[in-house]
């Protein structure tokens, strides 16, 4: 006898980890690069993302550190931002 692994195949893969999450990363006007992992995503087309892009353009900087509350969606994966993004007074990741 032994345990069968059949149940594992039916378990959801990453669907339970879609968020929303609080993440801190660098935004360059196009992509958000999360500080801890270095992985970059585009933002889904939402009002919060549009406001962030406008604020970023007004700053005239190369990149800015931001804190976002977002969840993953779609393929290719994008970040859907839920609340107005917090622009932090930095242009590099902490640490």
Protein backbone atom coordinates (compact mmCIF):
# COMPACT_ATOMS: atom_id res chain seq x y z
CA UNK A 1 0.00 0.00 0.00
CA UNK A 2 0.88 3.65 -0.32
CA UNK A 3 -0.71 7.00 -0.81
CA UNK A 4 -1.80 7.96 -4.27
CA UNK A 5 -0.80 11.35 -5.63
CA UNK A 6 -3.96 11.83 -7.69
CA UNK A 7 -5.40 14.47 -5.41
CA UNK A 8 -2.38 16.72 -5.87
CA UNK A 9 -3.06 17.14 -9.58
CA UNK A 10 -6.48 18.62 -8.89
CA UNK A 11 -5.27 21.14 -6.32
CA UNK A 12 -5.24 24.74 -7.56
CA UNK A 13 -1.74 25.80 -8.49
CA UNK A 14 -1.20 29.51 -7.86
CA UNK A 15 -4.77 30.74 -8.06
CA UNK A 16 -4.94 31.15 -4.29
CA UNK A 17 -1.91 33.47 -4.33
CA UNK A 18 -3.28 36.14 -6.64
CA UNK A 19 -3.72 38.85 -4.02
CA UNK A 20 -4.34 41.61 -3.40
CA UNK A 21 -0.87 42.13 -1.99
CA UNK A 22 1.00 45.16 -0.70
CA UNK A 23 4.20 45.39 -2.74
CA UNK A 24 7.02 47.90 -2.87
CA UNK A 25 9.00 48.38 -6.04
CA UNK A 26 10.38 50.71 -8.65
CA UNK A 27 8.16 52.23 -11.33
CA UNK A 28 9.71 53.64 -14.50
CA UNK A 29 6.59 54.87 -16.26
CA UNK A 30 5.97 51.50 -17.90
CA UNK A 31 6.72 48.64 -15.53
CA UNK A 32 6.71 47.94 -11.80
CA UNK A 33 9.77 46.03 -10.57
CA UNK A 34 9.21 44.48 -7.16
CA UNK A 35 12.13 45.16 -4.79
CA UNK A 36 12.57 41.77 -3.12
CA UNK A 37 12.32 39.56 -6.20
CA UNK A 38 13.39 41.91 -8.97
CA UNK A 39 10.47 40.64 -11.08
CA UNK A 40 8.78 43.25 -13.28
CA UNK A 41 5.15 43.51 -14.37
CA UNK A 42 3.07 45.94 -16.36
CA UNK A 43 0.03 47.46 -14.68
CA UNK A 44 -3.46 46.61 -15.89
CA UNK A 45 -5.25 49.60 -17.38
CA UNK A 46 -7.02 51.03 -14.33
CA UNK A 47 -7.75 54.52 -13.05
CA UNK A 48 -5.13 54.11 -10.29
CA UNK A 49 -2.51 53.11 -12.88
CA UNK A 50 -3.36 56.13 -15.07
CA UNK A 51 -3.06 58.49 -12.11
CA UNK A 52 0.32 56.97 -11.21
CA UNK A 53 1.60 57.43 -14.76
CA UNK A 54 0.51 61.10 -14.74
CA UNK A 55 2.19 61.71 -11.38
CA UNK A 56 5.34 59.95 -12.60
CA UNK A 57 5.54 62.07 -15.77
CA UNK A 58 5.18 65.23 -13.67
CA UNK A 59 8.12 64.18 -11.48
CA UNK A 60 10.50 64.01 -14.47
CA UNK A 61 12.60 61.30 -12.83
CA UNK A 62 13.94 58.06 -14.28
CA UNK A 63 12.22 55.86 -11.71
CA UNK A 64 10.42 56.19 -8.40
CA UNK A 65 9.85 53.88 -5.45
CA UNK A 66 6.15 53.09 -5.02
CA UNK A 67 3.95 51.01 -2.72
CA UNK A 68 0.97 49.34 -4.40
CA UNK A 69 -1.99 47.23 -3.34
CA UNK A 70 -2.53 45.01 -6.37
CA UNK A 71 -3.44 41.54 -7.52
CA UNK A 72 -2.21 39.44 -10.43
CA UNK A 73 -4.46 38.80 -13.38
CA UNK A 74 -4.45 37.61 -16.96
CA UNK A 75 -1.87 36.12 -19.28
CA UNK A 76 0.60 37.61 -19.77
CA UNK A 77 0.31 38.51 -16.12
CA UNK A 78 -0.39 42.12 -15.17
CA UNK A 79 -0.89 43.85 -11.84
CA UNK A 80 -4.33 45.34 -11.19
CA UNK A 81 -3.91 48.22 -8.76
CA UNK A 82 -6.77 48.70 -6.28
CA UNK A 83 -6.07 51.96 -4.49
CA UNK A 84 -4.13 55.08 -5.38
CA UNK A 85 -0.46 54.21 -5.45
CA UNK A 86 1.79 55.66 -2.74
CA UNK A 87 4.83 57.40 -4.22
CA UNK A 88 7.72 57.12 -1.77
CA UNK A 89 10.49 59.69 -1.56
CA UNK A 90 13.15 57.47 -3.10
CA UNK A 91 14.42 56.31 -6.47
CA UNK A 92 15.89 52.96 -5.38
CA UNK A 93 14.81 49.97 -3.32
CA UNK A 94 15.48 50.11 0.44
CA UNK A 95 18.38 48.11 1.72
